[in-house]
C-alpha cells in the first residue's frame, strides 16, 4: 500500500547535507517526493511510496546524517496522489 507524508525536521539540520542524504536514502528505498530547506532553519519534505519504505525514511530523518542534531520531527499523513516520479531536492 502506498502512503504519503509531509515532514518538517527541526534542529541543526541545515548546513549538514541533510537534503543530500535524505535524497540518497529515499532513492535506496524507492521513495518519491522532495526535500527542501525552509527559511526558519528547518527542513521540509514530502515522501510518497510503499508504506514500509516511507516509514523507514521518516525513521531515518529522526536522526539524519552524522552532523545533524534533530530536535523534533513533525509528521502529517496525506492522501497518496502518485504525482512524483522521482525524489528531488528543491
PDB file of N, CA and C in Angstrom:
ATOM      1  N   UNK A   1       0.836  -1.182   0.000  1.00  0.00           N
ATOM      2  CA  UNK A   1       0.000   0.000   0.000  1.00  0.00           C
ATOM      3  C   UNK A   1       0.884   1.251   0.000  1.00  0.00           C
ATOM      4  N   UNK A   2       0.583   2.191  -0.870  1.00  0.00           N
ATOM      5  CA  UNK A   2       1.337   3.441  -0.905  1.00  0.00           C
ATOM      6  C   UNK A   2       0.748   4.465   0.048  1.00  0.00           C
ATOM      7  N   UNK A   3       1.652   5.222   0.676  1.00  0.00           N
ATOM      8  CA  UNK A   3       1.240   6.300   1.568  1.00  0.00           C
ATOM      9  C   UNK A   3       2.014   7.557   1.208  1.00  0.00           C
ATOM     10  N   UNK A   4       1.560   8.669   1.775  1.00  0.00           N
ATOM     11  CA  UNK A   4       2.228   9.959   1.568  1.00  0.00           C
ATOM     12  C   UNK A   4       2.253  10.687   2.899  1.00  0.00           C
ATOM     13  N   UNK A   5       3.409  11.249   3.227  1.00  0.00           N
ATOM     14  CA  UNK A   5       3.543  12.035   4.452  1.00  0.00           C
ATOM     15  C   UNK A   5       4.298  13.317   4.134  1.00  0.00           C
ATOM     16  N   UNK A   6       4.005  14.348   4.898  1.00  0.00           N
ATOM     17  CA  UNK A   6       4.828  15.558   4.859  1.00  0.00           C
ATOM     18  C   UNK A   6       5.519  15.654   6.204  1.00  0.00           C
ATOM     19  N   UNK A   7       6.779  16.034   6.189  1.00  0.00           N
ATOM     20  CA  UNK A   7       7.564  16.140   7.405  1.00  0.00           C
ATOM     21  C   UNK A   7       8.241  17.502   7.472  1.00  0.00           C
ATOM     22  N   UNK A   8       8.442  17.960   8.682  1.00  0.00           N
ATOM     23  CA  UNK A   8       9.289  19.119   8.933  1.00  0.00           C
ATOM     24  C   UNK A   8      10.234  18.717  10.043  1.00  0.00           C
ATOM     25  N   UNK A   9      11.527  18.872   9.787  1.00  0.00           N
ATOM     26  CA  UNK A   9      12.556  18.448  10.734  1.00  0.00           C
ATOM     27  C   UNK A   9      13.217  19.696  11.316  1.00  0.00           C
ATOM     28  N   UNK A  10      13.260  19.765  12.641  1.00  0.00           N
ATOM     29  CA  UNK A  10      13.816  20.910  13.348  1.00  0.00           C
ATOM     30  C   UNK A  10      15.096  20.525  14.073  1.00  0.00           C
ATOM     31  N   UNK A  11      15.957  21.496  14.272  1.00  0.00           N
ATOM     32  CA  UNK A  11      17.226  21.288  14.963  1.00  0.00           C
ATOM     33  C   UNK A  11      18.353  21.831  14.092  1.00  0.00           C
ATOM     34  N   UNK A  12      19.528  21.254  14.263  1.00  0.00           N
ATOM     35  CA  UNK A  12      20.649  21.625  13.391  1.00  0.00           C
ATOM     36  C   UNK A  12      20.592  20.706  12.177  1.00  0.00           C
ATOM     37  N   UNK A  13      19.793  21.132  11.198  1.00  0.00           N
ATOM     38  CA  UNK A  13      19.537  20.288  10.038  1.00  0.00           C
ATOM     39  C   UNK A  13      19.880  20.965   8.708  1.00  0.00           C
ATOM     40  N   UNK A  14      20.339  22.208   8.759  1.00  0.00           N
ATOM     41  CA  UNK A  14      20.831  22.874   7.550  1.00  0.00           C
ATOM     42  C   UNK A  14      22.343  23.027   7.674  1.00  0.00           C
ATOM     43  N   UNK A  15      23.018  22.943   6.536  1.00  0.00           N
ATOM     44  CA  UNK A  15      24.472  23.037   6.540  1.00  0.00           C
ATOM     45  C   UNK A  15      25.157  21.742   6.937  1.00  0.00           C
ATOM     46  N   UNK A  16      24.393  20.649   6.986  1.00  0.00           N
ATOM     47  CA  UNK A  16      24.940  19.344   7.375  1.00  0.00           C
ATOM     48  C   UNK A  16      24.643  18.274   6.317  1.00  0.00           C
ATOM     49  N   UNK A  17      24.276  18.711   5.110  1.00  0.00           N
ATOM     50  CA  UNK A  17      23.955  17.821   3.979  1.00  0.00           C
ATOM     51  C   UNK A  17      22.708  16.977   4.220  1.00  0.00           C
ATOM     52  N   UNK A  18      21.785  17.488   5.026  1.00  0.00           N
ATOM     53  CA  UNK A  18      20.563  16.745   5.336  1.00  0.00           C
ATOM     54  C   UNK A  18      19.771  16.419   4.077  1.00  0.00           C
ATOM     55  N   UNK A  19      19.597  17.404   3.196  1.00  0.00           N
ATOM     56  CA  UNK A  19      18.823  17.174   1.975  1.00  0.00           C
ATOM     57  C   UNK A  19      19.501  16.137   1.082  1.00  0.00           C
ATOM     58  N   UNK A  20      20.795  16.243   0.929  1.00  0.00           N
ATOM     59  CA  UNK A  20      21.546  15.306   0.097  1.00  0.00           C
ATOM     60  C   UNK A  20      21.376  13.869   0.592  1.00  0.00           C
ATOM     61  N   UNK A  21      21.595  13.673   1.876  1.00  0.00           N
ATOM     62  CA  UNK A  21      21.487  12.319   2.424  1.00  0.00           C
ATOM     63  C   UNK A  21      20.052  11.813   2.446  1.00  0.00           C
ATOM     64  N   UNK A  22      19.091  12.706   2.616  1.00  0.00           N
ATOM     65  CA  UNK A  22      17.685  12.295   2.557  1.00  0.00           C
ATOM     66  C   UNK A  22      17.364  11.779   1.160  1.00  0.00           C
ATOM     67  N   UNK A  23      17.841  12.497   0.145  1.00  0.00           N
ATOM     68  CA  UNK A  23      17.603  12.070  -1.239  1.00  0.00           C
ATOM     69  C   UNK A  23      18.256  10.718  -1.508  1.00  0.00           C
ATOM     70  N   UNK A  24      19.479  10.526  -1.062  1.00  0.00           N
ATOM     71  CA  UNK A  24      20.146   9.233  -1.259  1.00  0.00           C
ATOM     72  C   UNK A  24      19.378   8.104  -0.597  1.00  0.00           C
ATOM     73  N   UNK A  25      18.946   8.332   0.634  1.00  0.00           N
ATOM     74  CA  UNK A  25      18.199   7.303   1.372  1.00  0.00           C
ATOM     75  C   UNK A  25      16.866   7.017   0.688  1.00  0.00           C
ATOM     76  N   UNK A  26      16.184   8.077   0.231  1.00  0.00           N
ATOM     77  CA  UNK A  26      14.906   7.898  -0.466  1.00  0.00           C
ATOM     78  C   UNK A  26      15.095   7.064  -1.729  1.00  0.00           C
ATOM     79  N   UNK A  27      16.162   7.349  -2.463  1.00  0.00           N
ATOM     80  CA  UNK A  27      16.423   6.600  -3.687  1.00  0.00           C
ATOM     81  C   UNK A  27      16.715   5.134  -3.376  1.00  0.00           C
ATOM     82  N   UNK A  28      17.439   4.874  -2.308  1.00  0.00           N
ATOM     83  CA  UNK A  28      17.712   3.485  -1.899  1.00  0.00           C
ATOM     84  C   UNK A  28      16.418   2.743  -1.571  1.00  0.00           C
ATOM     85  N   UNK A  29      15.477   3.457  -0.956  1.00  0.00           N
ATOM     86  CA  UNK A  29      14.225   2.850  -0.507  1.00  0.00           C
ATOM     87  C   UNK A  29      13.138   2.838  -1.579  1.00  0.00           C
ATOM     88  N   UNK A  30      13.358   3.561  -2.672  1.00  0.00           N
ATOM     89  CA  UNK A  30      12.341   3.649  -3.709  1.00  0.00           C
ATOM     90  C   UNK A  30      11.213   4.612  -3.362  1.00  0.00           C
ATOM     91  N   UNK A  31      11.510   5.617  -2.551  1.00  0.00           N
ATOM     92  CA  UNK A  31      10.520   6.613  -2.150  1.00  0.00           C
ATOM     93  C   UNK A  31      10.626   7.820  -3.082  1.00  0.00           C
ATOM     94  N   UNK A  32       9.501   8.346  -3.508  1.00  0.00           N
ATOM     95  CA  UNK A  32       9.458   9.535  -4.354  1.00  0.00           C
ATOM     96  C   UNK A  32       9.037  10.743  -3.527  1.00  0.00           C
ATOM     97  N   UNK A  33       9.297  11.947  -4.051  1.00  0.00           N
ATOM     98  CA  UNK A  33       8.899  13.167  -3.368  1.00  0.00           C
ATOM     99  C   UNK A  33       9.964  14.229  -3.464  1.00  0.00           C
ATOM    100  N   UNK A  34      10.102  15.012  -2.402  1.00  0.00           N
ATOM    101  CA  UNK A  34      11.086  16.100  -2.406  1.00  0.00           C
ATOM    102  C   UNK A  34      11.471  16.471  -0.980  1.00  0.00           C
ATOM    103  N   UNK A  35      12.559  17.257  -0.893  1.00  0.00           N
ATOM    104  CA  UNK A  35      13.039  17.791   0.380  1.00  0.00           C
ATOM    105  C   UNK A  35      13.610  19.179   0.101  1.00  0.00           C
ATOM    106  N   UNK A  36      13.425  20.119   1.053  1.00  0.00           N
ATOM    107  CA  UNK A  36      13.963  21.472   0.863  1.00  0.00           C
ATOM    108  C   UNK A  36      14.221  22.140   2.205  1.00  0.00           C
ATOM    109  N   UNK A  37      15.122  23.129   2.185  1.00  0.00           N
ATOM    110  CA  UNK A  37      15.379  23.958   3.353  1.00  0.00           C
ATOM    111  C   UNK A  37      14.290  25.019   3.465  1.00  0.00           C
ATOM    112  N   UNK A  38      13.917  25.331   4.699  1.00  0.00           N
ATOM    113  CA  UNK A  38      12.973  26.415   4.948  1.00  0.00           C
ATOM    114  C   UNK A  38      13.708  27.589   5.576  1.00  0.00           C
ATOM    115  N   UNK A  39      13.132  28.765   5.466  1.00  0.00           N
ATOM    116  CA  UNK A  39      13.789  29.984   5.944  1.00  0.00           C
ATOM    117  C   UNK A  39      13.975  30.016   7.460  1.00  0.00           C
ATOM    118  N   UNK A  40      13.212  29.213   8.205  1.00  0.00           N
ATOM    119  CA  UNK A  40      13.351  29.204   9.668  1.00  0.00           C
ATOM    120  C   UNK A  40      14.460  28.267  10.150  1.00  0.00           C
ATOM    121  N   UNK A  41      15.206  27.647   9.210  1.00  0.00           N
ATOM    122  CA  UNK A  41      16.296  26.743   9.573  1.00  0.00           C
ATOM    123  C   UNK A  41      15.903  25.284   9.617  1.00  0.00           C
ATOM    124  N   UNK A  42      14.634  24.986   9.380  1.00  0.00           N
ATOM    125  CA  UNK A  42      14.184  23.598   9.362  1.00  0.00           C
ATOM    126  C   UNK A  42      14.275  23.035   7.951  1.00  0.00           C
ATOM    127  N   UNK A  43      13.996  21.750   7.826  1.00  0.00           N
ATOM    128  CA  UNK A  43      13.964  21.064   6.537  1.00  0.00           C
ATOM    129  C   UNK A  43      12.583  20.433   6.394  1.00  0.00           C
ATOM    130  N   UNK A  44      11.974  20.627   5.220  1.00  0.00           N
ATOM    131  CA  UNK A  44      10.652  20.062   4.957  1.00  0.00           C
ATOM    132  C   UNK A  44      10.747  19.070   3.815  1.00  0.00           C
ATOM    133  N   UNK A  45       9.824  18.129   3.806  1.00  0.00           N
ATOM    134  CA  UNK A  45       9.786  17.171   2.718  1.00  0.00           C
ATOM    135  C   UNK A  45       8.431  16.521   2.586  1.00  0.00           C
ATOM    136  N   UNK A  46       8.196  15.967   1.424  1.00  0.00           N
ATOM    137  CA  UNK A  46       7.023  15.143   1.155  1.00  0.00           C
ATOM    138  C   UNK A  46       7.544  13.822   0.618  1.00  0.00           C
ATOM    139  N   UNK A  47       7.117  12.730   1.252  1.00  0.00           N
ATOM    140  CA  UNK A  47       7.584  11.394   0.893  1.00  0.00           C
ATOM    141  C   UNK A  47       6.386  10.555   0.483  1.00  0.00           C
ATOM    142  N   UNK A  48       6.517   9.847  -0.629  1.00  0.00           N
ATOM    143  CA  UNK A  48       5.418   9.023  -1.109  1.00  0.00           C
ATOM    144  C   UNK A  48       5.956   7.706  -1.639  1.00  0.00           C
ATOM    145  N   UNK A  49       5.280   6.624  -1.280  1.00  0.00           N
ATOM    146  CA  UNK A  49       5.683   5.308  -1.755  1.00  0.00           C
ATOM    147  C   UNK A  49       5.150   4.215  -0.859  1.00  0.00           C
ATOM    148  N   UNK A  50       5.771   3.065  -0.952  1.00  0.00           N
ATOM    149  CA  UNK A  50       5.399   1.919  -0.133  1.00  0.00           C
ATOM    150  C   UNK A  50       5.431   2.295   1.348  1.00  0.00           C
ATOM    151  N   UNK A  51       4.433   1.869   2.087  1.00  0.00           N
ATOM    152  CA  UNK A  51       4.310   2.249   3.497  1.00  0.00           C
ATOM    153  C   UNK A  51       5.559   1.940   4.310  1.00  0.00           C
ATOM    154  N   UNK A  52       6.116   0.756   4.152  1.00  0.00           N
ATOM    155  CA  UNK A  52       7.310   0.392   4.914  1.00  0.00           C
ATOM    156  C   UNK A  52       8.507   1.257   4.532  1.00  0.00           C
ATOM    157  N   UNK A  53       8.646   1.557   3.239  1.00  0.00           N
ATOM    158  CA  UNK A  53       9.762   2.381   2.770  1.00  0.00           C
ATOM    159  C   UNK A  53       9.631   3.808   3.285  1.00  0.00           C
ATOM    160  N   UNK A  54       8.432   4.375   3.212  1.00  0.00           N
ATOM    161  CA  UNK A  54       8.213   5.737   3.710  1.00  0.00           C
ATOM    162  C   UNK A  54       8.463   5.796   5.205  1.00  0.00           C
ATOM    163  N   UNK A  55       7.964   4.818   5.941  1.00  0.00           N
ATOM    164  CA  UNK A  55       8.186   4.788   7.387  1.00  0.00           C
ATOM    165  C   UNK A  55       9.676   4.670   7.719  1.00  0.00           C
ATOM    166  N   UNK A  56      10.405   3.907   6.918  1.00  0.00           N
ATOM    167  CA  UNK A  56      11.847   3.783   7.119  1.00  0.00           C
ATOM    168  C   UNK A  56      12.541   5.121   6.892  1.00  0.00           C
ATOM    169  N   UNK A  57      12.143   5.846   5.847  1.00  0.00           N
ATOM    170  CA  UNK A  57      12.741   7.153   5.575  1.00  0.00           C
ATOM    171  C   UNK A  57      12.420   8.151   6.686  1.00  0.00           C
ATOM    172  N   UNK A  58      11.197   8.132   7.174  1.00  0.00           N
ATOM    173  CA  UNK A  58      10.832   9.000   8.300  1.00  0.00           C
ATOM    174  C   UNK A  58      11.681   8.658   9.514  1.00  0.00           C
ATOM    175  N   UNK A  59      11.861   7.377   9.784  1.00  0.00           N
ATOM    176  CA  UNK A  59      12.700   6.956  10.903  1.00  0.00           C
ATOM    177  C   UNK A  59      14.125   7.453  10.754  1.00  0.00           C
ATOM    178  N   UNK A  60      14.659   7.388   9.525  1.00  0.00           N
ATOM    179  CA  UNK A  60      16.000   7.899   9.281  1.00  0.00           C
ATOM    180  C   UNK A  60      16.060   9.397   9.552  1.00  0.00           C
ATOM    181  N   UNK A  61      15.034  10.136   9.146  1.00  0.00           N
ATOM    182  CA  UNK A  61      15.005  11.595   9.341  1.00  0.00           C
ATOM    183  C   UNK A  61      14.986  11.985  10.825  1.00  0.00           C
ATOM    184  N   UNK A  62      14.539  11.100  11.671  1.00  0.00           N
ATOM    185  CA  UNK A  62      14.521  11.409  13.113  1.00  0.00           C
ATOM    186  C   UNK A  62      15.940  11.545  13.671  1.00  0.00           C
ATOM    187  N   UNK A  63      16.929  11.001  12.954  1.00  0.00           N
ATOM    188  CA  UNK A  63      18.335  11.152  13.346  1.00  0.00           C
ATOM    189  C   UNK A  63      19.120  11.955  12.328  1.00  0.00           C
ATOM    190  N   UNK A  64      18.873  11.710  11.044  1.00  0.00           N
ATOM    191  CA  UNK A  64      19.559  12.428   9.981  1.00  0.00           C
ATOM    192  C   UNK A  64      20.996  11.990   9.823  1.00  0.00           C
ATOM    193  N   UNK A  65      21.761  12.737   9.028  1.00  0.00           N
ATOM    194  CA  UNK A  65      23.164  12.402   8.801  1.00  0.00           C
ATOM    195  C   UNK A  65      23.996  12.661  10.059  1.00  0.00           C
ATOM    196  N   UNK A  66      25.230  12.186  10.079  1.00  0.00           N
ATOM    197  CA  UNK A  66      26.060  12.272  11.296  1.00  0.00           C
ATOM    198  C   UNK A  66      26.190  13.673  11.907  1.00  0.00           C
ATOM    199  N   UNK A  67      26.284  14.708  11.100  1.00  0.00           N
ATOM    200  CA  UNK A  67      26.497  16.062  11.640  1.00  0.00           C
ATOM    201  C   UNK A  67      25.207  16.739  12.104  1.00  0.00           C
ATOM    202  N   UNK A  68      24.064  16.136  11.819  1.00  0.00           N
ATOM    203  CA  UNK A  68      22.779  16.740  12.200  1.00  0.00           C
ATOM    204  C   UNK A  68      22.480  16.521  13.680  1.00  0.00           C
ATOM    205  N   UNK A  69      21.691  17.426  14.214  1.00  0.00           N
ATOM    206  CA  UNK A  69      21.158  17.278  15.574  1.00  0.00           C
ATOM    207  C   UNK A  69      19.662  17.536  15.502  1.00  0.00           C
ATOM    208  N   UNK A  70      18.899  16.474  15.293  1.00  0.00           N
ATOM    209  CA  UNK A  70      17.453  16.591  15.154  1.00  0.00           C
ATOM    210  C   UNK A  70      16.826  16.757  16.534  1.00  0.00           C
ATOM    211  N   UNK A  71      16.082  17.835  16.689  1.00  0.00           N
ATOM    212  CA  UNK A  71      15.373  18.097  17.944  1.00  0.00           C
ATOM    213  C   UNK A  71      13.936  17.601  17.901  1.00  0.00           C
ATOM    214  N   UNK A  72      13.318  17.721  16.727  1.00  0.00           N
ATOM    215  CA  UNK A  72      11.900  17.368  16.609  1.00  0.00           C
ATOM    216  C   UNK A  72      11.572  17.121  15.149  1.00  0.00           C
ATOM    217  N   UNK A  73      10.604  16.237  14.925  1.00  0.00           N
ATOM    218  CA  UNK A  73      10.104  15.972  13.584  1.00  0.00           C
ATOM    219  C   UNK A  73       8.585  16.023  13.637  1.00  0.00           C
ATOM    220  N   UNK A  74       7.983  16.927  12.863  1.00  0.00           N
ATOM    221  CA  UNK A  74       6.530  16.988  12.738  1.00  0.00           C
ATOM    222  C   UNK A  74       6.124  16.182  11.519  1.00  0.00           C
ATOM    223  N   UNK A  75       5.099  15.371  11.664  1.00  0.00           N
ATOM    224  CA  UNK A  75       4.677  14.446  10.617  1.00  0.00           C
ATOM    225  C   UNK A  75       3.181  14.590  10.381  1.00  0.00           C
ATOM    226  N   UNK A  76       2.799  14.660   9.107  1.00  0.00           N
ATOM    227  CA  UNK A  76       1.386  14.727   8.741  1.00  0.00           C
ATOM    228  C   UNK A  76       1.128  13.749   7.607  1.00  0.00           C
ATOM    229  N   UNK A  77       0.153  12.878   7.801  1.00  0.00           N
ATOM    230  CA  UNK A  77      -0.233  11.953   6.734  1.00  0.00           C
ATOM    231  C   UNK A  77      -1.116  12.694   5.744  1.00  0.00           C
ATOM    232  N   UNK A  78      -0.954  12.368   4.482  1.00  0.00           N
ATOM    233  CA  UNK A  78      -1.731  12.988   3.417  1.00  0.00           C
ATOM    234  C   UNK A  78      -2.261  11.890   2.499  1.00  0.00           C
ATOM    235  N   UNK A  79      -3.094  12.279   1.576  1.00  0.00           N
ATOM    236  CA  UNK A  79      -3.617  11.328   0.595  1.00  0.00           C
ATOM    237  C   UNK A  79      -2.553  11.095  -0.478  1.00  0.00           C
ATOM    238  N   UNK A  80      -2.257   9.841  -0.727  1.00  0.00           N
ATOM    239  CA  UNK A  80      -1.262   9.484  -1.746  1.00  0.00           C
ATOM    240  C   UNK A  80      -1.821   9.818  -3.125  1.00  0.00           C
ATOM    241  N   UNK A  81      -1.041  10.592  -3.902  1.00  0.00           N
ATOM    242  CA  UNK A  81      -1.507  11.028  -5.221  1.00  0.00           C
ATOM    243  C   UNK A  81      -0.737  10.390  -6.362  1.00  0.00           C
ATOM    244  N   UNK A  82       0.444   9.885  -6.091  1.00  0.00           N
ATOM    245  CA  UNK A  82       1.268   9.306  -7.147  1.00  0.00           C
ATOM    246  C   UNK A  82       1.831  10.330  -8.110  1.00  0.00           C
ATOM    247  N   UNK A  83       1.868  11.592  -7.683  1.00  0.00           N
ATOM    248  CA  UNK A  83       2.303  12.668  -8.585  1.00  0.00           C
ATOM    249  C   UNK A  83       3.812  12.714  -8.822  1.00  0.00           C
ATOM    250  N   UNK A  84       4.587  12.078  -7.963  1.00  0.00           N
ATOM    251  CA  UNK A  84       6.041  12.148  -8.078  1.00  0.00           C
ATOM    252  C   UNK A  84       6.592  10.920  -8.793  1.00  0.00           C
ATOM    253  N   UNK A  85       7.570  11.149  -9.679  1.00  0.00           N
ATOM    254  CA  UNK A  85       8.195  10.040 -10.395  1.00  0.00           C
ATOM    255  C   UNK A  85       9.616   9.791  -9.909  1.00  0.00           C
ATOM    256  N   UNK A  86      10.108  10.660  -9.039  1.00  0.00           N
ATOM    257  CA  UNK A  86      11.482  10.542  -8.523  1.00  0.00           C
ATOM    258  C   UNK A  86      11.533  11.318  -7.207  1.00  0.00           C
ATOM    259  N   UNK A  87      12.746  11.456  -6.666  1.00  0.00           N
ATOM    260  CA  UNK A  87      12.927  12.223  -5.439  1.00  0.00           C
ATOM    261  C   UNK A  87      13.872  13.367  -5.756  1.00  0.00           C
ATOM    262  N   UNK A  88      13.482  14.589  -5.383  1.00  0.00           N
ATOM    263  CA  UNK A  88      14.275  15.756  -5.740  1.00  0.00           C
ATOM    264  C   UNK A  88      14.583  16.631  -4.534  1.00  0.00           C
ATOM    265  N   UNK A  89      15.626  17.430  -4.694  1.00  0.00           N
ATOM    266  CA  UNK A  89      15.964  18.466  -3.736  1.00  0.00           C
ATOM    267  C   UNK A  89      15.471  19.779  -4.323  1.00  0.00           C
ATOM    268  N   UNK A  90      14.703  20.499  -3.551  1.00  0.00           N
ATOM    269  CA  UNK A  90      14.164  21.779  -4.036  1.00  0.00           C
ATOM    270  C   UNK A  90      14.893  22.933  -3.433  1.00  0.00           C
TER     271      UNK A  90
END
